[in-house]
Amino acid sequence: MRVHFIGIGGIGVSALAQYYLAKGAVVSGSDLTASEITEMLGKKGAKVSIGRHKAQNLPEDLDLLVYTPAVREDNPEWAEVKKRKTEALSYPQALGKLTKNYFTIAVSGSHGKSTTSAMIADILIRAGLDPTVILGTKLREFGDSNFRLGASEYLVIEADEYQASFLNYWPSIIVLTNIEEEHLDYFGNLENILGAFRDFVNHLPEDGTLVLNYDDENSRKMEESVSAKALNIMPYYSDMEESSALKEILRIPGKHNISNALGALMAARSLGIADNVSFRALADYHGSWRRFEIYEANFGDSGFTIVSDYAHHPTEISATLSAAREKWPDKEIWAIFQPHQYQRTYYLFDKLVEALSFALAKRIIMLPIYDVAGREDAEIKRKISSLKLAEAVKERAEDKEIFCLNTFLETKKFLENNLKGGEVVVIMGAGDVYDLVKMFST
């Protein structure tokens, strides 16, 4: 079987590409830019074309095209496949087909999907259940990969709500971490988001299990949506007796990670996994790529700590900085933030201002907004900027020192000139801000 992937370097698409490679398929793909992920896929046997997409990238005897949902109608590879009438599936559609062939555990919610999915995967592995795992982040335990091929019936996935992608999935267990206003460029308002989640939880079979975060009001509403079914509903909440034990054993800080661990624990219990197995797995969990990853760095004789985190939503920003303060109560904390997508920044502007104004960091460096190709609105781009966000934060929190810088190199030099040693620098964002982290960590 020959499978070609448009956008093969994407964090989700790349995991599916590895699945087909592991199953013996001939895999090719294209992406606009090279990355650690495309290099890894090349080493695993995929033929990866970097640069402009073109019809010549497609093999002659192609059986299936899988494409990122961000692909445009005028993409030459997409146009060529339509001419050939070869089967073409979006990433969510292709993953959705897999969920029907496995006992699927899907983790959904506005925040915490990657961490909770990774925790569940580690527990299942420790319990000897040998799952296949498709994640939106890389794990050290998987050899710095976002994919693991198992030999059992179990599949663990992240179920992303953007563009209602998760409506392609048919899980036996859903873990719902939280529901907030997010992806408003697609959904428009919270009620539409809740409607999509209601539809998703109703994908569960009659004997399915819904694991719900009872601390989250919107997640609790989902229980009513499936009340007519004989579902096994398993709530978790911060006041559970298990929270104290998890706080003691978890290597990653923050109340949000205790909540993630509780969700993983409940999912494990629904599968009959003993708590002592789950707790051992959670105690050994080291965290995942760009989720509170800690590096030690230095300029000359001055050492400091870097935290790399994917946080880009206001709630995530607050949780990440709170976790940093919890871990380092006596250290000075700097925050570097790269807003992700003009439309998200526009729709969540007031909440971003609030999160950054009350952030547990006195010094904040604001980087330019990360432009997400194919998902931006030209009119909104003219209305919003990092400078406007910085000005609003400064007006709200006069005690903060806020700096707007334009490039990673400029930011690196600024830190060299202003850090005294011993600080914690939290670098946040879902775009390419990880390249800034690499400037210190390599």
Protein backbone atom coordinates (compact mmCIF):
# COMPACT_ATOMS: atom_id res chain seq x y z
CA MET A 1 0.00 0.00 0.00
CA ARG A 2 1.28 3.48 -0.89
CA VAL A 3 0.16 6.44 1.21
CA HIS A 4 1.06 10.10 0.68
CA PHE A 5 0.63 12.79 3.35
CA ILE A 6 0.23 16.51 2.65
CA GLY A 7 1.59 18.35 5.69
CA ILE A 8 3.50 15.30 6.91
CA GLY A 9 5.47 17.41 9.41
CA GLY A 10 2.37 18.25 11.44
CA ILE A 11 2.29 16.81 14.92
CA GLY A 12 -0.86 14.74 14.30
CA VAL A 13 -0.31 13.84 10.65
CA SER A 14 3.23 12.66 11.39
CA ALA A 15 1.97 10.19 13.99
CA LEU A 16 -0.43 8.69 11.46
CA ALA A 17 2.38 8.50 8.90
CA GLN A 18 4.39 6.48 11.43
CA TYR A 19 1.42 4.17 11.92
CA TYR A 20 1.35 3.33 8.22
CA LEU A 21 5.14 2.94 8.14
CA ALA A 22 4.94 0.52 11.07
CA LYS A 23 2.25 -1.43 9.25
CA GLY A 24 4.53 -1.87 6.24
CA ALA A 25 3.08 0.76 3.89
CA VAL A 26 5.25 2.77 1.48
CA VAL A 27 4.95 6.29 2.86
CA SER A 28 5.72 9.61 1.20
CA GLY A 29 4.79 13.14 2.11
CA SER A 30 5.40 16.82 1.68
CA ASP A 31 5.79 19.84 3.90
CA LEU A 32 6.72 23.45 3.32
CA THR A 33 9.59 23.43 5.82
CA ALA A 34 11.97 20.87 7.25
CA SER A 35 11.83 20.10 10.97
CA GLU A 36 12.91 17.59 13.58
CA ILE A 37 9.75 15.66 12.75
CA THR A 38 10.36 15.47 8.98
CA GLU A 39 13.95 14.40 9.63
CA MET A 40 12.73 11.67 11.97
CA LEU A 41 10.22 10.43 9.38
CA GLY A 42 12.96 10.31 6.76
CA LYS A 43 15.10 8.15 9.04
CA LYS A 44 12.13 5.81 9.54
CA GLY A 45 11.78 5.29 5.80
CA ALA A 46 9.36 7.93 4.56
CA LYS A 47 10.20 9.85 1.39
CA VAL A 48 9.67 13.48 2.42
CA SER A 49 9.63 16.38 -0.05
CA ILE A 50 10.35 19.81 1.43
CA GLY A 51 9.32 23.09 -0.19
CA ARG A 52 6.53 24.00 -2.56
CA HIS A 53 3.92 21.31 -3.00
CA LYS A 54 3.81 19.88 -6.52
CA ALA A 55 2.03 17.07 -8.31
CA GLN A 56 5.33 15.32 -9.01
CA ASN A 57 5.66 14.54 -5.30
CA LEU A 58 2.92 11.92 -5.61
CA PRO A 59 3.90 8.33 -6.45
CA GLU A 60 2.34 6.89 -9.61
CA ASP A 61 0.52 4.01 -7.95
CA LEU A 62 -0.89 5.89 -4.97
CA ASP A 63 -3.56 4.13 -2.90
CA LEU A 64 -4.44 6.82 -0.35
CA LEU A 65 -3.84 10.51 0.23
CA VAL A 66 -4.04 11.88 3.78
CA TYR A 67 -4.02 15.64 4.10
CA THR A 68 -3.87 18.18 6.89
CA PRO A 69 -7.20 20.01 7.34
CA ALA A 70 -5.29 23.23 6.62
CA VAL A 71 -4.69 22.23 2.98
CA ARG A 72 -6.06 24.68 0.41
CA GLU A 73 -8.21 23.74 -2.57
CA ASP A 74 -5.56 25.02 -4.98
CA ASN A 75 -2.83 22.76 -3.54
CA PRO A 76 -1.20 21.04 -6.58
CA GLU A 77 -0.96 17.66 -4.85
CA TRP A 78 -4.59 17.79 -3.77
CA ALA A 79 -5.63 18.80 -7.31
CA GLU A 80 -3.65 15.91 -8.79
CA VAL A 81 -5.32 13.38 -6.51
CA LYS A 82 -8.76 14.68 -7.49
CA LYS A 83 -7.82 14.17 -11.14
CA ARG A 84 -6.77 10.59 -10.46
CA LYS A 85 -9.85 9.93 -8.31
CA THR A 86 -7.62 8.34 -5.67
CA GLU A 87 -9.09 8.00 -2.18
CA ALA A 88 -8.35 11.16 -0.17
CA LEU A 89 -9.02 11.57 3.55
CA SER A 90 -8.35 14.41 5.94
CA TYR A 91 -6.23 13.55 8.97
CA PRO A 92 -9.33 13.38 11.24
CA GLN A 93 -11.15 11.16 8.72
CA ALA A 94 -8.20 8.79 8.43
CA LEU A 95 -7.77 8.60 12.20
CA GLY A 96 -11.51 8.13 12.53
CA LYS A 97 -11.34 4.97 10.41
CA LEU A 98 -8.72 3.58 12.77
CA THR A 99 -10.86 4.26 15.84
CA LYS A 100 -13.47 1.85 14.49
CA ASN A 101 -10.91 -0.95 14.36
CA TYR A 102 -9.72 -0.58 17.97
CA PHE A 103 -11.01 -0.20 21.50
CA THR A 104 -10.33 3.54 21.44
CA ILE A 105 -9.66 5.78 24.42
CA ALA A 106 -10.05 9.41 23.30
CA VAL A 107 -8.99 12.38 25.41
CA SER A 108 -10.85 15.57 24.59
CA GLY A 109 -11.09 19.06 26.06
CA SER A 110 -9.80 22.58 25.60
CA HIS A 111 -6.62 21.94 27.63
CA GLY A 112 -4.64 18.99 28.95
CA LYS A 113 -5.26 16.55 26.10
CA SER A 114 -1.63 15.74 25.35
CA THR A 115 -0.56 15.27 28.96
CA THR A 116 -3.61 13.21 29.92
CA SER A 117 -3.29 11.02 26.80
CA ALA A 118 0.40 10.43 27.52
CA MET A 119 -0.36 9.51 31.13
CA ILE A 120 -3.04 7.04 30.05
CA ALA A 121 -0.67 5.50 27.51
CA ASP A 122 2.03 5.06 30.15
CA ILE A 123 -0.45 3.41 32.54
CA LEU A 124 -1.68 0.98 29.89
CA ILE A 125 1.89 0.08 28.96
CA ARG A 126 2.77 -0.49 32.64
CA ALA A 127 -0.34 -2.68 32.98
CA GLY A 128 0.79 -4.84 30.05
CA LEU A 129 -2.08 -3.79 27.77
CA ASP A 130 0.33 -2.82 24.95
CA PRO A 131 -1.65 0.06 23.34
CA THR A 132 -1.16 1.79 20.02
CA VAL A 133 -0.79 5.50 20.75
CA ILE A 134 -1.22 8.57 18.53
CA LEU A 135 -0.38 11.81 20.34
CA GLY A 136 -0.10 15.53 19.67
CA THR A 137 3.25 15.67 21.43
CA LYS A 138 6.48 13.69 21.63
CA LEU A 139 7.32 11.44 24.58
CA ARG A 140 10.76 10.41 25.79
CA GLU A 141 9.32 7.00 26.60
CA PHE A 142 8.51 6.58 22.89
CA GLY A 143 12.01 7.57 21.82
CA ASP A 144 11.02 11.23 21.41
CA SER A 145 8.17 10.19 19.12
CA ASN A 146 4.46 10.98 19.12
CA PHE A 147 3.57 7.43 18.09
CA ARG A 148 3.74 3.92 19.47
CA LEU A 149 2.58 0.75 17.75
CA GLY A 150 1.06 -1.80 20.10
CA ALA A 151 -0.10 -5.37 19.53
CA SER A 152 -3.38 -5.16 21.44
CA GLU A 153 -6.88 -3.90 20.69
CA TYR A 154 -6.29 -0.62 22.58
CA LEU A 155 -5.77 2.74 20.86
CA VAL A 156 -5.12 5.98 22.78
CA ILE A 157 -5.64 9.24 20.89
CA GLU A 158 -6.14 12.96 21.39
CA ALA A 159 -9.54 14.12 20.17
CA ASP A 160 -9.19 17.70 18.96
CA GLU A 161 -12.33 19.82 18.77
CA TYR A 162 -11.07 22.29 16.12
CA GLN A 163 -13.36 22.20 13.08
CA ALA A 164 -15.26 19.51 15.02
CA SER A 165 -12.52 17.03 14.04
CA PHE A 166 -13.44 14.71 16.91
CA LEU A 167 -16.81 13.97 15.31
CA ASN A 168 -14.88 11.59 13.05
CA TYR A 169 -13.87 9.43 16.04
CA TRP A 170 -15.77 6.52 17.59
CA PRO A 171 -14.23 5.76 21.00
CA SER A 172 -15.27 3.36 23.74
CA ILE A 173 -13.92 5.68 26.45
CA ILE A 174 -13.89 9.48 26.40
CA VAL A 175 -11.93 11.48 28.95
CA LEU A 176 -13.20 15.07 29.00
CA THR A 177 -10.75 17.44 30.70
CA ASN A 178 -12.53 20.81 30.35
CA ILE A 179 -14.47 22.97 27.90
CA GLU A 180 -13.73 26.66 27.32
CA GLU A 181 -14.06 29.32 24.68
CA GLU A 182 -11.45 28.32 22.11
CA HIS A 183 -11.23 28.19 18.31
CA LEU A 184 -13.81 30.96 18.13
CA ASP A 185 -12.76 31.63 14.53
CA TYR A 186 -14.54 28.35 13.74
CA PHE A 187 -17.20 27.96 16.44
CA GLY A 188 -18.17 31.60 16.95
CA ASN A 189 -19.40 31.17 20.53
CA LEU A 190 -19.39 28.88 23.55
CA GLU A 191 -22.81 27.40 22.82
CA ASN A 192 -21.59 26.05 19.49
CA ILE A 193 -18.57 24.56 21.24
CA LEU A 194 -20.81 22.86 23.79
CA GLY A 195 -22.99 21.57 20.98
CA ALA A 196 -20.00 19.94 19.29
CA PHE A 197 -18.92 18.29 22.54
CA ARG A 198 -22.49 17.03 23.10
CA ASP A 199 -22.42 15.41 19.68
CA PHE A 200 -19.03 13.88 20.40
CA VAL A 201 -19.92 12.27 23.74
CA ASN A 202 -22.92 10.73 22.02
CA HIS A 203 -20.50 8.82 19.80
CA LEU A 204 -19.94 6.53 22.79
CA PRO A 205 -21.58 3.11 22.58
CA GLU A 206 -24.26 2.06 25.05
CA ASP A 207 -21.64 0.33 27.22
CA GLY A 208 -19.08 3.13 26.86
CA THR A 209 -17.42 5.17 29.59
CA LEU A 210 -17.39 8.94 29.99
CA VAL A 211 -14.71 10.25 32.38
CA LEU A 212 -15.66 13.82 33.38
CA ASN A 213 -13.82 16.63 35.15
CA TYR A 214 -16.40 17.70 37.72
CA ASP A 215 -14.37 20.78 38.61
CA ASP A 216 -15.32 22.18 35.21
CA GLU A 217 -18.88 23.47 34.91
CA ASN A 218 -19.09 23.02 31.15
CA SER A 219 -17.82 19.45 31.34
CA ARG A 220 -20.49 18.61 33.93
CA LYS A 221 -23.13 19.68 31.40
CA MET A 222 -22.12 16.77 29.19
CA GLU A 223 -23.51 14.29 31.71
CA GLU A 224 -27.01 15.55 30.91
CA SER A 225 -26.37 15.06 27.21
CA VAL A 226 -25.98 11.31 27.57
CA SER A 227 -28.36 10.68 30.46
CA ALA A 228 -30.60 8.46 28.31
CA LYS A 229 -27.77 5.98 27.76
CA ALA A 230 -26.62 3.25 30.11
CA LEU A 231 -23.17 4.77 30.17
CA ASN A 232 -20.58 4.33 32.85
CA ILE A 233 -19.95 7.92 33.98
CA MET A 234 -16.85 8.40 36.10
CA PRO A 235 -16.33 11.88 37.60
CA TYR A 236 -13.09 13.25 39.00
CA TYR A 237 -12.46 16.44 40.95
CA SER A 238 -9.70 18.22 42.84
CA ASP A 239 -11.05 17.33 46.30
CA MET A 240 -10.66 13.61 45.71
CA GLU A 241 -8.60 11.79 48.30
CA GLU A 242 -6.21 10.70 45.53
CA SER A 243 -5.20 14.31 44.80
CA SER A 244 -2.86 14.51 47.80
CA ALA A 245 -1.08 11.32 46.85
CA LEU A 246 -0.67 12.48 43.25
CA LYS A 247 0.76 15.81 44.38
CA GLU A 248 3.43 13.90 46.28
CA ILE A 249 4.48 11.62 43.42
CA LEU A 250 4.10 13.70 40.24
CA ARG A 251 7.33 15.02 38.75
CA ILE A 252 5.52 17.77 36.83
CA PRO A 253 4.12 20.66 38.91
CA GLY A 254 0.78 22.43 38.89
CA LYS A 255 -2.82 21.83 39.93
CA HIS A 256 -3.75 21.32 36.28
CA ASN A 257 -1.41 18.33 36.09
CA ILE A 258 -2.95 16.78 39.19
CA SER A 259 -6.28 17.12 37.39
CA ASN A 260 -4.82 15.51 34.27
CA ALA A 261 -3.49 12.64 36.36
CA LEU A 262 -6.90 12.14 38.01
CA GLY A 263 -8.49 11.85 34.57
CA ALA A 264 -5.91 9.25 33.58
CA LEU A 265 -6.47 7.37 36.84
CA MET A 266 -10.23 7.20 36.28
CA ALA A 267 -9.75 5.94 32.72
CA ALA A 268 -7.44 3.23 34.06
CA ARG A 269 -9.97 2.22 36.69
CA SER A 270 -12.64 1.85 34.01
CA LEU A 271 -10.36 -0.74 32.39
CA GLY A 272 -9.88 -2.60 35.67
CA ILE A 273 -6.25 -1.53 36.12
CA ALA A 274 -5.17 -1.62 39.75
CA ASP A 275 -4.39 1.74 41.34
CA ASN A 276 -0.91 0.67 42.41
CA VAL A 277 -0.03 0.08 38.75
CA SER A 278 -1.42 3.49 37.76
CA PHE A 279 0.39 5.31 40.56
CA ARG A 280 3.71 3.72 39.64
CA ALA A 281 3.27 4.80 36.03
CA LEU A 282 2.28 8.33 37.01
CA ALA A 283 5.23 8.61 39.38
CA ASP A 284 7.57 7.72 36.52
CA TYR A 285 5.97 10.12 34.03
CA HIS A 286 8.61 12.67 33.02
CA GLY A 287 6.41 15.00 30.98
CA SER A 288 6.20 15.50 27.25
CA TRP A 289 7.57 17.77 24.56
CA ARG A 290 6.80 21.46 25.12
CA ARG A 291 4.75 20.71 28.23
CA PHE A 292 6.70 22.33 31.08
CA GLU A 293 9.99 21.03 29.71
CA ILE A 294 12.87 22.23 31.87
CA TYR A 295 16.35 23.13 30.59
CA GLU A 296 19.35 24.61 32.34
CA ALA A 297 21.17 27.35 30.42
CA ASN A 298 23.82 29.95 31.03
CA PHE A 299 25.51 33.09 29.73
CA GLY A 300 29.11 32.92 30.77
CA ASP A 301 29.12 32.31 34.51
CA SER A 302 25.42 33.16 34.97
CA GLY A 303 23.08 30.19 35.00
CA PHE A 304 19.30 30.28 34.67
CA THR A 305 16.40 27.90 34.08
CA ILE A 306 14.23 27.71 30.96
CA VAL A 307 10.73 26.27 30.92
CA SER A 308 9.39 25.48 27.45
CA ASP A 309 5.62 25.24 27.32
CA TYR A 310 2.92 25.02 24.63
CA ALA A 311 0.63 27.40 26.57
CA HIS A 312 -1.19 29.78 24.22
CA HIS A 313 -4.69 30.05 25.70
CA PRO A 314 -5.25 32.38 28.70
CA THR A 315 -6.09 29.48 31.01
CA GLU A 316 -2.94 27.63 29.97
CA ILE A 317 -0.77 30.72 30.47
CA SER A 318 -2.07 31.16 34.02
CA ALA A 319 -1.65 27.45 34.81
CA THR A 320 1.91 27.30 33.46
CA LEU A 321 3.10 30.39 35.33
CA SER A 322 1.37 29.22 38.52
CA ALA A 323 3.15 25.88 38.20
CA ALA A 324 6.48 27.71 37.78
CA ARG A 325 5.86 29.72 40.96
CA GLU A 326 4.87 26.54 42.80
CA LYS A 327 8.10 24.81 41.73
CA TRP A 328 10.38 27.80 42.29
CA PRO A 329 8.74 29.90 45.04
CA ASP A 330 11.80 32.08 45.67
CA LYS A 331 13.10 32.66 42.16
CA GLU A 332 12.46 35.59 39.83
CA ILE A 333 10.23 34.51 36.95
CA TRP A 334 10.34 35.98 33.45
CA ALA A 335 7.67 35.21 30.86
CA ILE A 336 8.23 35.19 27.10
CA PHE A 337 5.00 34.86 25.15
CA GLN A 338 4.38 34.34 21.46
CA PRO A 339 0.65 34.83 20.78
CA HIS A 340 -0.69 32.11 18.48
CA GLN A 341 -2.86 33.16 15.54
CA TYR A 342 -4.28 36.62 14.97
CA GLN A 343 -7.86 35.43 15.25
CA ARG A 344 -7.32 33.69 18.59
CA THR A 345 -5.56 36.83 19.89
CA TYR A 346 -8.44 38.97 18.68
CA TYR A 347 -11.27 36.84 20.08
CA LEU A 348 -9.53 36.15 23.41
CA PHE A 349 -7.91 39.59 23.75
CA ASP A 350 -9.52 40.55 27.07
CA LYS A 351 -8.82 37.14 28.62
CA LEU A 352 -5.21 37.26 27.42
CA VAL A 353 -4.83 40.72 28.98
CA GLU A 354 -6.26 39.43 32.25
CA ALA A 355 -4.04 36.32 32.28
CA LEU A 356 -0.87 38.29 31.57
CA SER A 357 -1.80 41.12 33.94
CA PHE A 358 -2.16 38.75 36.87
CA ALA A 359 0.66 36.48 35.73
CA LEU A 360 3.20 35.50 38.36
CA ALA A 361 5.97 37.13 36.36
CA LYS A 362 7.02 40.73 36.79
CA ARG A 363 8.90 40.91 33.47
CA ILE A 364 7.17 39.88 30.25
CA ILE A 365 8.64 39.79 26.75
CA MET A 366 6.01 39.88 24.01
CA LEU A 367 6.93 38.43 20.62
CA PRO A 368 5.09 39.01 17.32
CA ILE A 369 1.90 37.03 16.77
CA TYR A 370 2.52 33.68 15.09
CA ASP A 371 0.77 33.75 11.72
CA VAL A 372 -1.02 30.44 11.06
CA ALA A 373 -1.07 29.89 7.31
CA GLY A 374 -4.55 29.36 5.90
CA ARG A 375 -6.34 30.29 9.13
CA GLU A 376 -6.02 34.06 9.29
CA ASP A 377 -8.49 36.79 8.43
CA ALA A 378 -6.97 39.82 6.68
CA GLU A 379 -9.33 42.28 8.36
CA ILE A 380 -8.54 40.94 11.83
CA LYS A 381 -4.80 41.05 11.10
CA ARG A 382 -5.11 44.79 10.60
CA LYS A 383 -6.86 45.21 13.95
CA ILE A 384 -4.57 43.30 16.29
CA SER A 385 -0.90 43.10 17.23
CA SER A 386 1.41 42.07 20.03
CA LEU A 387 2.07 45.74 20.70
CA LYS A 388 -1.64 46.37 21.34
CA LEU A 389 -1.72 43.38 23.65
CA ALA A 390 1.36 44.61 25.53
CA GLU A 391 -0.07 48.12 25.89
CA ALA A 392 -3.33 46.75 27.31
CA VAL A 393 -1.46 44.60 29.83
CA LYS A 394 0.70 47.55 30.88
CA GLU A 395 -2.37 49.71 31.37
CA ARG A 396 -3.95 47.01 33.53
CA ALA A 397 -0.81 46.11 35.50
CA GLU A 398 1.49 49.11 35.92
CA ASP A 399 3.91 47.14 38.11
CA LYS A 400 4.91 44.89 35.21
CA GLU A 401 7.86 45.49 32.93
CA ILE A 402 6.81 44.62 29.39
CA PHE A 403 9.08 44.53 26.37
CA CYS A 404 8.02 44.03 22.75
CA LEU A 405 10.79 42.37 20.76
CA ASN A 406 10.73 41.38 17.11
CA THR A 407 13.03 38.39 16.66
CA PHE A 408 14.39 35.43 18.58
CA LEU A 409 17.94 36.71 18.14
CA GLU A 410 16.96 40.09 19.57
CA THR A 411 15.31 38.29 22.49
CA LYS A 412 18.39 36.19 23.14
CA LYS A 413 20.61 39.27 23.21
CA PHE A 414 18.14 41.08 25.48
CA LEU A 415 18.28 38.23 27.99
CA GLU A 416 22.07 38.13 27.80
CA ASN A 417 22.13 41.81 28.77
CA ASN A 418 19.49 41.69 31.49
CA LEU A 419 19.56 38.34 33.30
CA LYS A 420 21.69 38.36 36.43
CA GLY A 421 21.62 34.60 37.07
CA GLY A 422 19.25 32.28 38.91
CA GLU A 423 16.07 33.42 37.10
CA VAL A 424 13.38 31.15 35.63
CA VAL A 425 12.48 32.08 32.04
CA VAL A 426 9.15 30.60 30.91
CA ILE A 427 8.89 30.53 27.10
CA MET A 428 5.28 30.00 25.99
CA GLY A 429 3.46 29.59 22.69
CA ALA A 430 2.17 27.06 20.18
CA GLY A 431 4.06 28.45 17.18
CA ASP A 432 7.75 28.34 16.32
CA VAL A 433 8.88 29.88 19.63
CA TYR A 434 10.46 26.51 20.35
CA ASP A 435 13.24 27.69 18.01
CA LEU A 436 14.10 30.27 20.67
CA VAL A 437 14.32 27.49 23.26
CA LYS A 438 16.72 25.59 21.01
CA MET A 439 19.00 28.64 20.88
CA PHE A 440 19.64 28.13 24.60
CA SER A 441 19.36 24.37 24.95
CA THR A 442 21.71 23.23 22.19
